[in-house]
Amino acid sequence: MKTSYVDTRQHLLETGHQIMAAKGFSSVGLNEILRSAGVPKGSFYHYFPSKELYGQAVLEAYFTAYLDTQKLLFNDSRIPAAERLLGYWQQWLIGNSGACHEQKCLVVKLSAEVADLSEAMRVTLRDGTDQVIEQLADCIRAGQADGSLSVTDADVTAVMLYQLWLGASLLAKLHRTSAPMEQAMQISRTVLLN
């Protein structure tokens, strides 16, 4: 019996996100995705002309959801911007730490892998991370305006902190410890609150 989905395309994207977050892009075959999604190959090709363009669509959907969530957190003006930023980093620490966590951040998981394999996916990752950094900078500017942050250059600080956390995420994966993430949190507090 064939399972019916309200939105087959969205179901394929969600399935791909889960599998790629755990295994990467190159090591996942189309048959594994289709089997896991319970979708026939013809349906896949109705929505995506190739695995590469599917990967790009997975990344686009990931960034859309991520940026929407980030915007909700950063635009909550009831909370000082400094607290919003530290809450964001705390969520990152919790979501990407521990020996048994399943990596959810496709930026950390796929950036190095696909940057040389797929120009379309590289550009999607680049543009998505640029938008993440821009939202960070906007929140820092809000902190300058509400007096909770004394950072002088919002754009430079946003780039530096994002790079810090990406690096810490990679080191946490390599060492299988949350220590790099905890150090990133300490550095973030120092940068933002001093």
N, C-alpha and C. Protein backbone atom coordinates (compact mmCIF):
# COMPACT_ATOMS: atom_id res chain seq x y z
N MET A 1 0.84 -1.18 0.00
CA MET A 1 0.00 0.00 0.00
C MET A 1 0.88 1.24 0.00
N LYS A 2 0.65 2.12 -0.92
CA LYS A 2 1.43 3.33 -1.05
C LYS A 2 0.98 4.35 -0.01
N THR A 3 1.96 4.92 0.69
CA THR A 3 1.66 5.97 1.64
C THR A 3 1.43 7.26 0.88
N SER A 4 0.44 8.01 1.29
CA SER A 4 0.13 9.28 0.63
C SER A 4 0.64 10.43 1.49
N TYR A 5 1.20 11.43 0.85
CA TYR A 5 1.69 12.61 1.54
C TYR A 5 0.95 13.82 1.01
N VAL A 6 0.68 14.76 1.90
CA VAL A 6 0.01 15.99 1.50
C VAL A 6 0.90 16.73 0.50
N ASP A 7 2.19 16.74 0.74
CA ASP A 7 3.13 17.43 -0.12
C ASP A 7 4.36 16.54 -0.31
N THR A 8 4.38 15.82 -1.39
CA THR A 8 5.46 14.87 -1.66
C THR A 8 6.81 15.57 -1.76
N ARG A 9 6.84 16.72 -2.42
CA ARG A 9 8.10 17.46 -2.54
C ARG A 9 8.65 17.81 -1.17
N GLN A 10 7.79 18.34 -0.30
CA GLN A 10 8.23 18.72 1.05
C GLN A 10 8.68 17.49 1.83
N HIS A 11 7.98 16.40 1.67
CA HIS A 11 8.35 15.15 2.35
C HIS A 11 9.74 14.69 1.89
N LEU A 12 10.02 14.78 0.60
CA LEU A 12 11.34 14.43 0.09
C LEU A 12 12.42 15.34 0.66
N LEU A 13 12.12 16.63 0.77
CA LEU A 13 13.10 17.57 1.33
C LEU A 13 13.39 17.27 2.79
N GLU A 14 12.35 17.00 3.56
CA GLU A 14 12.53 16.69 4.98
C GLU A 14 13.30 15.39 5.17
N THR A 15 13.00 14.41 4.36
CA THR A 15 13.71 13.13 4.43
C THR A 15 15.17 13.32 4.09
N GLY A 16 15.43 14.07 3.03
CA GLY A 16 16.81 14.35 2.63
C GLY A 16 17.58 15.09 3.70
N HIS A 17 16.94 16.05 4.33
CA HIS A 17 17.60 16.80 5.41
C HIS A 17 18.04 15.84 6.51
N GLN A 18 17.14 14.98 6.95
CA GLN A 18 17.48 14.04 8.03
C GLN A 18 18.64 13.13 7.64
N ILE A 19 18.59 12.59 6.45
CA ILE A 19 19.63 11.65 6.03
C ILE A 19 20.96 12.36 5.80
N MET A 20 20.92 13.51 5.11
CA MET A 20 22.17 14.24 4.83
C MET A 20 22.78 14.82 6.10
N ALA A 21 21.95 15.21 7.06
CA ALA A 21 22.48 15.71 8.32
C ALA A 21 23.26 14.62 9.06
N ALA A 22 22.86 13.40 8.88
CA ALA A 22 23.53 12.29 9.54
C ALA A 22 24.70 11.74 8.73
N LYS A 23 24.57 11.69 7.39
CA LYS A 23 25.55 10.97 6.57
C LYS A 23 26.32 11.82 5.58
N GLY A 24 25.88 13.05 5.35
CA GLY A 24 26.50 13.87 4.31
C GLY A 24 25.74 13.73 3.00
N PHE A 25 26.29 14.33 1.96
CA PHE A 25 25.63 14.33 0.66
C PHE A 25 26.14 13.19 -0.23
N SER A 26 27.44 13.08 -0.37
CA SER A 26 28.02 12.13 -1.31
C SER A 26 27.78 10.67 -0.95
N SER A 27 27.72 10.40 0.35
CA SER A 27 27.58 9.00 0.77
C SER A 27 26.13 8.52 0.76
N VAL A 28 25.22 9.37 0.38
CA VAL A 28 23.81 9.00 0.35
C VAL A 28 23.37 8.83 -1.10
N GLY A 29 22.88 7.66 -1.41
CA GLY A 29 22.38 7.41 -2.76
C GLY A 29 20.92 7.77 -2.89
N LEU A 30 20.52 8.02 -4.10
CA LEU A 30 19.13 8.37 -4.37
C LEU A 30 18.18 7.26 -3.92
N ASN A 31 18.57 6.00 -4.11
CA ASN A 31 17.71 4.89 -3.69
C ASN A 31 17.46 4.89 -2.19
N GLU A 32 18.48 5.26 -1.42
CA GLU A 32 18.30 5.32 0.04
C GLU A 32 17.29 6.40 0.42
N ILE A 33 17.38 7.53 -0.23
CA ILE A 33 16.44 8.62 0.03
C ILE A 33 15.02 8.19 -0.33
N LEU A 34 14.87 7.60 -1.51
CA LEU A 34 13.54 7.18 -1.97
C LEU A 34 12.96 6.10 -1.08
N ARG A 35 13.78 5.15 -0.69
CA ARG A 35 13.32 4.06 0.18
C ARG A 35 12.88 4.63 1.54
N SER A 36 13.69 5.51 2.08
CA SER A 36 13.36 6.10 3.37
C SER A 36 12.10 6.96 3.30
N ALA A 37 11.93 7.67 2.18
CA ALA A 37 10.76 8.53 2.01
C ALA A 37 9.53 7.74 1.59
N GLY A 38 9.73 6.54 1.05
CA GLY A 38 8.60 5.76 0.55
C GLY A 38 8.00 6.38 -0.71
N VAL A 39 8.88 6.94 -1.53
CA VAL A 39 8.44 7.64 -2.75
C VAL A 39 9.10 6.97 -3.95
N PRO A 40 8.36 6.73 -5.04
CA PRO A 40 8.95 6.12 -6.23
C PRO A 40 9.87 7.10 -6.98
N LYS A 41 10.79 6.53 -7.73
CA LYS A 41 11.78 7.32 -8.45
C LYS A 41 11.14 8.32 -9.41
N GLY A 42 10.07 7.93 -10.06
CA GLY A 42 9.39 8.83 -10.99
C GLY A 42 8.87 10.09 -10.30
N SER A 43 8.38 9.92 -9.09
CA SER A 43 7.90 11.08 -8.32
C SER A 43 9.06 12.01 -7.98
N PHE A 44 10.21 11.42 -7.65
CA PHE A 44 11.38 12.24 -7.34
C PHE A 44 11.72 13.12 -8.54
N TYR A 45 11.82 12.51 -9.71
CA TYR A 45 12.23 13.26 -10.90
C TYR A 45 11.15 14.23 -11.39
N HIS A 46 9.93 14.06 -10.91
CA HIS A 46 8.90 15.04 -11.19
C HIS A 46 9.24 16.37 -10.51
N TYR A 47 9.85 16.31 -9.34
CA TYR A 47 10.16 17.50 -8.56
C TYR A 47 11.61 17.98 -8.72
N PHE A 48 12.54 17.06 -8.96
CA PHE A 48 13.96 17.41 -8.98
C PHE A 48 14.64 16.75 -10.18
N PRO A 49 15.25 17.53 -11.07
CA PRO A 49 15.88 16.95 -12.26
C PRO A 49 17.14 16.13 -11.97
N SER A 50 17.79 16.37 -10.80
CA SER A 50 19.02 15.65 -10.48
C SER A 50 19.21 15.62 -8.97
N LYS A 51 20.10 14.76 -8.52
CA LYS A 51 20.43 14.70 -7.10
C LYS A 51 21.06 16.02 -6.65
N GLU A 52 21.89 16.62 -7.49
CA GLU A 52 22.53 17.89 -7.14
C GLU A 52 21.48 18.98 -6.91
N LEU A 53 20.52 19.10 -7.80
CA LEU A 53 19.49 20.12 -7.64
C LEU A 53 18.57 19.80 -6.46
N TYR A 54 18.41 18.52 -6.17
CA TYR A 54 17.70 18.11 -4.97
C TYR A 54 18.47 18.58 -3.74
N GLY A 55 19.78 18.35 -3.72
CA GLY A 55 20.60 18.81 -2.61
C GLY A 55 20.50 20.32 -2.42
N GLN A 56 20.50 21.04 -3.52
CA GLN A 56 20.35 22.49 -3.45
C GLN A 56 18.98 22.85 -2.86
N ALA A 57 17.94 22.16 -3.27
CA ALA A 57 16.59 22.43 -2.74
C ALA A 57 16.51 22.11 -1.25
N VAL A 58 17.18 21.04 -0.81
CA VAL A 58 17.22 20.71 0.62
C VAL A 58 17.87 21.86 1.38
N LEU A 59 18.97 22.38 0.85
CA LEU A 59 19.64 23.50 1.51
C LEU A 59 18.77 24.76 1.52
N GLU A 60 18.10 25.04 0.42
CA GLU A 60 17.22 26.21 0.37
C GLU A 60 16.11 26.10 1.41
N ALA A 61 15.50 24.93 1.52
CA ALA A 61 14.45 24.71 2.51
C ALA A 61 15.00 24.83 3.93
N TYR A 62 16.20 24.31 4.13
CA TYR A 62 16.85 24.40 5.44
C TYR A 62 17.05 25.87 5.84
N PHE A 63 17.61 26.66 4.92
CA PHE A 63 17.86 28.06 5.24
C PHE A 63 16.57 28.84 5.44
N THR A 64 15.55 28.55 4.67
CA THR A 64 14.27 29.25 4.85
C THR A 64 13.75 29.02 6.27
N ALA A 65 13.74 27.78 6.71
CA ALA A 65 13.24 27.46 8.05
C ALA A 65 14.16 28.04 9.12
N TYR A 66 15.46 27.91 8.92
CA TYR A 66 16.44 28.40 9.90
C TYR A 66 16.33 29.91 10.07
N LEU A 67 16.28 30.63 8.96
CA LEU A 67 16.22 32.09 9.01
C LEU A 67 14.90 32.57 9.61
N ASP A 68 13.81 31.86 9.34
CA ASP A 68 12.53 32.22 9.95
C ASP A 68 12.59 32.06 11.48
N THR A 69 13.18 30.98 11.94
CA THR A 69 13.31 30.74 13.38
C THR A 69 14.23 31.78 14.01
N GLN A 70 15.34 32.04 13.34
CA GLN A 70 16.30 33.03 13.84
C GLN A 70 15.64 34.42 13.91
N LYS A 71 14.87 34.76 12.90
CA LYS A 71 14.19 36.07 12.87
C LYS A 71 13.22 36.21 14.03
N LEU A 72 12.47 35.15 14.34
CA LEU A 72 11.53 35.20 15.47
C LEU A 72 12.28 35.48 16.77
N LEU A 73 13.40 34.82 16.97
CA LEU A 73 14.19 35.02 18.18
C LEU A 73 14.79 36.43 18.21
N PHE A 74 15.40 36.85 17.12
CA PHE A 74 16.11 38.13 17.09
C PHE A 74 15.18 39.33 17.08
N ASN A 75 13.95 39.18 16.65
CA ASN A 75 13.03 40.31 16.56
C ASN A 75 12.13 40.46 17.78
N ASP A 76 12.36 39.67 18.81
CA ASP A 76 11.57 39.77 20.03
C ASP A 76 12.08 40.94 20.87
N SER A 77 11.55 42.13 20.63
CA SER A 77 12.06 43.35 21.27
C SER A 77 11.73 43.43 22.76
N ARG A 78 10.96 42.49 23.29
CA ARG A 78 10.69 42.47 24.73
C ARG A 78 11.94 42.05 25.51
N ILE A 79 12.87 41.41 24.81
CA ILE A 79 14.10 40.91 25.43
C ILE A 79 15.26 41.75 24.91
N PRO A 80 16.17 42.21 25.79
CA PRO A 80 17.32 42.96 25.29
C PRO A 80 18.10 42.13 24.25
N ALA A 81 18.63 42.82 23.26
CA ALA A 81 19.30 42.14 22.15
C ALA A 81 20.46 41.27 22.63
N ALA A 82 21.18 41.70 23.65
CA ALA A 82 22.29 40.90 24.17
C ALA A 82 21.79 39.53 24.63
N GLU A 83 20.64 39.51 25.31
CA GLU A 83 20.07 38.23 25.77
C GLU A 83 19.60 37.38 24.59
N ARG A 84 19.05 38.02 23.56
CA ARG A 84 18.63 37.28 22.36
C ARG A 84 19.82 36.60 21.71
N LEU A 85 20.93 37.33 21.57
CA LEU A 85 22.12 36.75 20.95
C LEU A 85 22.69 35.61 21.79
N LEU A 86 22.80 35.82 23.09
CA LEU A 86 23.34 34.75 23.94
C LEU A 86 22.39 33.54 23.97
N GLY A 87 21.09 33.79 23.88
CA GLY A 87 20.13 32.68 23.79
C GLY A 87 20.31 31.89 22.50
N TYR A 88 20.58 32.60 21.41
CA TYR A 88 20.85 31.95 20.12
C TYR A 88 22.07 31.05 20.22
N TRP A 89 23.15 31.59 20.78
CA TRP A 89 24.38 30.79 20.90
C TRP A 89 24.16 29.63 21.87
N GLN A 90 23.39 29.83 22.92
CA GLN A 90 23.10 28.75 23.86
C GLN A 90 22.33 27.63 23.16
N GLN A 91 21.37 27.99 22.32
CA GLN A 91 20.65 26.97 21.55
C GLN A 91 21.60 26.22 20.63
N TRP A 92 22.53 26.92 20.02
CA TRP A 92 23.52 26.29 19.15
C TRP A 92 24.36 25.30 19.95
N LEU A 93 24.82 25.72 21.12
CA LEU A 93 25.63 24.85 21.97
C LEU A 93 24.86 23.58 22.33
N ILE A 94 23.63 23.74 22.78
CA ILE A 94 22.82 22.59 23.19
C ILE A 94 22.51 21.68 21.99
N GLY A 95 22.19 22.26 20.86
CA GLY A 95 21.80 21.49 19.68
C GLY A 95 22.93 20.77 18.98
N ASN A 96 24.16 21.18 19.26
CA ASN A 96 25.29 20.59 18.54
C ASN A 96 26.35 20.01 19.45
N SER A 97 25.99 19.69 20.68
CA SER A 97 26.94 19.13 21.63
C SER A 97 26.52 17.73 22.05
N GLY A 98 27.47 17.03 22.58
CA GLY A 98 27.19 15.70 23.10
C GLY A 98 27.61 14.61 22.14
N ALA A 99 27.93 13.47 22.68
CA ALA A 99 28.44 12.36 21.87
C ALA A 99 27.38 11.74 20.98
N CYS A 100 26.13 11.82 21.37
CA CYS A 100 25.08 11.10 20.65
C CYS A 100 24.18 11.99 19.81
N HIS A 101 24.47 13.28 19.75
CA HIS A 101 23.55 14.13 19.00
C HIS A 101 23.63 13.82 17.51
N GLU A 102 22.53 14.02 16.86
CA GLU A 102 22.51 13.89 15.40
C GLU A 102 22.67 15.29 14.83
N GLN A 103 23.72 15.48 14.08
CA GLN A 103 24.01 16.80 13.53
C GLN A 103 22.82 17.32 12.74
N LYS A 104 22.34 18.50 13.11
CA LYS A 104 21.21 19.08 12.41
C LYS A 104 21.63 20.22 11.50
N CYS A 105 22.79 20.79 11.76
CA CYS A 105 23.24 21.95 11.00
C CYS A 105 23.86 21.50 9.68
N LEU A 106 23.13 21.74 8.60
CA LEU A 106 23.64 21.34 7.29
C LEU A 106 24.83 22.18 6.85
N VAL A 107 24.99 23.37 7.39
CA VAL A 107 26.16 24.19 7.06
C VAL A 107 27.41 23.49 7.56
N VAL A 108 27.39 23.08 8.82
CA VAL A 108 28.55 22.40 9.40
C VAL A 108 28.78 21.06 8.69
N LYS A 109 27.71 20.34 8.43
CA LYS A 109 27.83 19.01 7.86
C LYS A 109 28.29 19.02 6.40
N LEU A 110 27.79 19.95 5.59
CA LEU A 110 27.98 19.86 4.14
C LEU A 110 28.96 20.85 3.52
N SER A 111 29.29 21.94 4.20
CA SER A 111 30.08 23.00 3.56
C SER A 111 31.37 22.50 2.93
N ALA A 112 32.20 21.85 3.69
CA ALA A 112 33.48 21.38 3.15
C ALA A 112 33.28 20.30 2.10
N GLU A 113 32.27 19.47 2.30
CA GLU A 113 32.03 18.35 1.38
C GLU A 113 31.58 18.82 0.00
N VAL A 114 30.63 19.73 -0.07
CA VAL A 114 30.04 20.06 -1.37
C VAL A 114 30.63 21.29 -2.03
N ALA A 115 31.46 22.05 -1.33
CA ALA A 115 32.00 23.28 -1.90
C ALA A 115 32.75 23.03 -3.20
N ASP A 116 33.42 21.90 -3.31
CA ASP A 116 34.17 21.57 -4.52
C ASP A 116 33.41 20.65 -5.46
N LEU A 117 32.27 20.12 -5.02
CA LEU A 117 31.51 19.17 -5.84
C LEU A 117 30.38 19.82 -6.63
N SER A 118 29.76 20.83 -6.05
CA SER A 118 28.56 21.40 -6.65
C SER A 118 28.56 22.91 -6.49
N GLU A 119 28.67 23.60 -7.61
CA GLU A 119 28.63 25.06 -7.58
C GLU A 119 27.27 25.56 -7.09
N ALA A 120 26.20 24.90 -7.50
CA ALA A 120 24.86 25.32 -7.08
C ALA A 120 24.70 25.20 -5.56
N MET A 121 25.17 24.11 -4.99
CA MET A 121 25.05 23.92 -3.55
C MET A 121 25.99 24.86 -2.80
N ARG A 122 27.18 25.10 -3.35
CA ARG A 122 28.13 26.02 -2.72
C ARG A 122 27.52 27.42 -2.64
N VAL A 123 26.94 27.88 -3.73
CA VAL A 123 26.35 29.21 -3.76
C VAL A 123 25.17 29.30 -2.79
N THR A 124 24.37 28.25 -2.71
CA THR A 124 23.24 28.24 -1.77
C THR A 124 23.75 28.32 -0.33
N LEU A 125 24.79 27.57 -0.03
CA LEU A 125 25.39 27.64 1.31
C LEU A 125 25.96 29.02 1.58
N ARG A 126 26.66 29.58 0.62
CA ARG A 126 27.25 30.92 0.78
C ARG A 126 26.16 31.96 1.02
N ASP A 127 25.15 31.96 0.16
CA ASP A 127 24.08 32.96 0.29
C ASP A 127 23.31 32.79 1.59
N GLY A 128 23.05 31.55 1.98
CA GLY A 128 22.33 31.29 3.23
C GLY A 128 23.12 31.75 4.45
N THR A 129 24.41 31.45 4.48
CA THR A 129 25.22 31.89 5.62
C THR A 129 25.36 33.41 5.65
N ASP A 130 25.43 34.02 4.48
CA ASP A 130 25.46 35.49 4.44
C ASP A 130 24.20 36.08 5.08
N GLN A 131 23.06 35.46 4.83
CA GLN A 131 21.80 35.93 5.44
C GLN A 131 21.78 35.71 6.95
N VAL A 132 22.33 34.57 7.39
CA VAL A 132 22.43 34.32 8.84
C VAL A 132 23.27 35.40 9.49
N ILE A 133 24.42 35.69 8.88
CA ILE A 133 25.32 36.71 9.43
C ILE A 133 24.65 38.08 9.43
N GLU A 134 23.90 38.39 8.39
CA GLU A 134 23.21 39.68 8.33
C GLU A 134 22.18 39.80 9.46
N GLN A 135 21.47 38.72 9.75
CA GLN A 135 20.52 38.76 10.86
C GLN A 135 21.23 38.92 12.20
N LEU A 136 22.40 38.28 12.33
CA LEU A 136 23.21 38.47 13.54
C LEU A 136 23.61 39.94 13.68
N ALA A 137 24.08 40.53 12.59
CA ALA A 137 24.50 41.93 12.61
C ALA A 137 23.33 42.84 12.95
N ASP A 138 22.15 42.55 12.41
CA ASP A 138 20.97 43.36 12.72
C ASP A 138 20.63 43.28 14.21
N CYS A 139 20.76 42.11 14.80
CA CYS A 139 20.49 41.95 16.22
C CYS A 139 21.55 42.69 17.04
N ILE A 140 22.78 42.67 16.61
CA ILE A 140 23.84 43.42 17.30
C ILE A 140 23.53 44.92 17.22
N ARG A 141 23.10 45.38 16.06
CA ARG A 141 22.72 46.80 15.93
C ARG A 141 21.56 47.14 16.87
N ALA A 142 20.62 46.22 17.01
CA ALA A 142 19.50 46.43 17.94
C ALA A 142 20.04 46.54 19.37
N GLY A 143 21.06 45.74 19.68
CA GLY A 143 21.68 45.81 21.00
C GLY A 143 22.43 47.12 21.23
N GLN A 144 23.02 47.64 20.17
CA GLN A 144 23.65 48.96 20.28
C GLN A 144 22.58 50.01 20.56
N ALA A 145 21.44 49.89 19.89
CA ALA A 145 20.36 50.86 20.05
C ALA A 145 19.69 50.76 21.42
N ASP A 146 19.51 49.52 21.93
CA ASP A 146 18.83 49.38 23.23
C ASP A 146 19.79 49.47 24.42
N GLY A 147 21.09 49.63 24.12
CA GLY A 147 22.08 49.82 25.17
C GLY A 147 22.57 48.54 25.83
N SER A 148 22.13 47.38 25.34
CA SER A 148 22.58 46.13 25.96
C SER A 148 23.92 45.65 25.41
N LEU A 149 24.38 46.25 24.31
CA LEU A 149 25.68 45.89 23.71
C LEU A 149 26.47 47.16 23.42
N SER A 150 27.78 47.07 23.67
CA SER A 150 28.64 48.20 23.36
C SER A 150 29.61 47.88 22.23
N VAL A 151 29.31 46.84 21.47
CA VAL A 151 30.13 46.44 20.34
C VAL A 151 30.18 47.60 19.35
N THR A 152 31.37 47.88 18.81
CA THR A 152 31.50 49.04 17.93
C THR A 152 31.14 48.75 16.48
N ASP A 153 31.46 47.55 15.98
CA ASP A 153 31.19 47.24 14.57
C ASP A 153 30.33 45.97 14.49
N ALA A 154 29.06 46.17 14.22
CA ALA A 154 28.11 45.05 14.20
C ALA A 154 28.45 44.04 13.12
N ASP A 155 28.82 44.51 11.94
CA ASP A 155 29.10 43.59 10.82
C ASP A 155 30.32 42.73 11.10
N VAL A 156 31.40 43.34 11.56
CA VAL A 156 32.63 42.59 11.85
C VAL A 156 32.38 41.60 12.98
N THR A 157 31.67 42.03 14.00
CA THR A 157 31.39 41.15 15.14
C THR A 157 30.53 39.96 14.72
N ALA A 158 29.53 40.21 13.89
CA ALA A 158 28.66 39.13 13.43
C ALA A 158 29.46 38.08 12.65
N VAL A 159 30.31 38.53 11.75
CA VAL A 159 31.14 37.59 10.96
C VAL A 159 32.06 36.81 11.89
N MET A 160 32.73 37.51 12.80
CA MET A 160 33.68 36.85 13.69
C MET A 160 33.00 35.80 14.56
N LEU A 161 31.84 36.14 15.12
CA LEU A 161 31.15 35.18 15.98
C LEU A 161 30.64 33.98 15.19
N TYR A 162 30.12 34.22 14.00
CA TYR A 162 29.63 33.10 13.20
C TYR A 162 30.79 32.17 12.82
N GLN A 163 31.91 32.74 12.43
CA GLN A 163 33.08 31.92 12.11
C GLN A 163 33.56 31.15 13.34
N LEU A 164 33.55 31.80 14.49
CA LEU A 164 33.94 31.15 15.74
C LEU A 164 33.08 29.92 15.99
N TRP A 165 31.76 30.08 15.84
CA TRP A 165 30.85 28.97 16.14
C TRP A 165 30.91 27.87 15.10
N LEU A 166 31.12 28.21 13.84
CA LEU A 166 31.30 27.15 12.83
C LEU A 166 32.55 26.33 13.15
N GLY A 167 33.64 27.02 13.47
CA GLY A 167 34.87 26.32 13.82
C GLY A 167 34.71 25.47 15.06
N ALA A 168 34.05 26.02 16.07
CA ALA A 168 33.82 25.27 17.31
C ALA A 168 32.96 24.03 17.04
N SER A 169 31.99 24.16 16.16
CA SER A 169 31.14 23.02 15.81
C SER A 169 31.95 21.90 15.16
N LEU A 170 32.84 22.28 14.26
CA LEU A 170 33.70 21.28 13.62
C LEU A 170 34.63 20.61 14.63
N LEU A 171 35.23 21.40 15.50
CA LEU A 171 36.13 20.82 16.51
C LEU A 171 35.37 19.93 17.48
N ALA A 172 34.15 20.30 17.82
CA ALA A 172 33.34 19.45 18.70
C ALA A 172 33.07 18.10 18.05
N LYS A 173 32.83 18.12 16.72
CA LYS A 173 32.62 16.86 15.99
C LYS A 173 33.91 16.02 15.98
N LEU A 174 35.03 16.67 15.74
CA LEU A 174 36.30 15.95 15.67
C LEU A 174 36.70 15.34 17.01
N HIS A 175 36.52 16.09 18.09
CA HIS A 175 36.95 15.65 19.41
C HIS A 175 35.85 14.92 20.18
N ARG A 176 34.63 14.96 19.65
CA ARG A 176 33.48 14.35 20.30
C ARG A 176 33.34 14.81 21.75
N THR A 177 33.42 16.12 21.88
CA THR A 177 33.26 16.77 23.18
C THR A 177 32.62 18.13 22.95
N SER A 178 31.93 18.62 23.97
CA SER A 178 31.31 19.94 23.86
C SER A 178 32.26 21.06 24.25
N ALA A 179 33.49 20.73 24.63
CA ALA A 179 34.43 21.76 25.10
C ALA A 179 34.62 22.90 24.11
N PRO A 180 34.80 22.65 22.80
CA PRO A 180 34.95 23.78 21.87
C PRO A 180 33.72 24.69 21.85
N MET A 181 32.54 24.11 21.98
CA MET A 181 31.31 24.89 21.98
C MET A 181 31.22 25.73 23.26
N GLU A 182 31.61 25.14 24.38
CA GLU A 182 31.60 25.87 25.64
C GLU A 182 32.61 27.02 25.61
N GLN A 183 33.76 26.79 24.98
CA GLN A 183 34.74 27.86 24.82
C GLN A 183 34.21 28.96 23.91
N ALA A 184 33.51 28.57 22.84
CA ALA A 184 32.90 29.57 21.96
C ALA A 184 31.88 30.41 22.72
N MET A 185 31.15 29.80 23.64
CA MET A 185 30.18 30.54 24.44
C MET A 185 30.89 31.54 25.34
N GLN A 186 31.98 31.13 25.96
CA GLN A 186 32.73 32.05 26.82
C GLN A 186 33.27 33.24 26.01
N ILE A 187 33.82 32.96 24.84
CA ILE A 187 34.35 34.02 23.98
C ILE A 187 33.21 34.95 23.54
N SER A 188 32.08 34.38 23.18
CA SER A 188 30.93 35.19 22.75
C SER A 188 30.48 36.13 23.86
N ARG A 189 30.40 35.60 25.07
CA ARG A 189 30.02 36.45 26.21
C ARG A 189 31.02 37.60 26.39
N THR A 190 32.30 37.28 26.29
CA THR A 190 33.33 38.31 26.44
C THR A 190 33.21 39.37 25.35
N VAL A 191 33.05 38.95 24.12
CA VAL A 191 32.95 39.88 23.00
C VAL A 191 31.71 40.76 23.12
N LEU A 192 30.59 40.14 23.47
CA LEU A 192 29.34 40.88 23.48
C LEU A 192 29.12 41.72 24.73
N LEU A 193 29.63 41.27 25.87
CA LEU A 193 29.27 41.93 27.12
C LEU A 193 30.39 42.77 27.73
N ASN A 194 31.55 42.81 27.12
CA ASN A 194 32.66 43.61 27.67
C ASN A 194 32.99 44.79 26.78
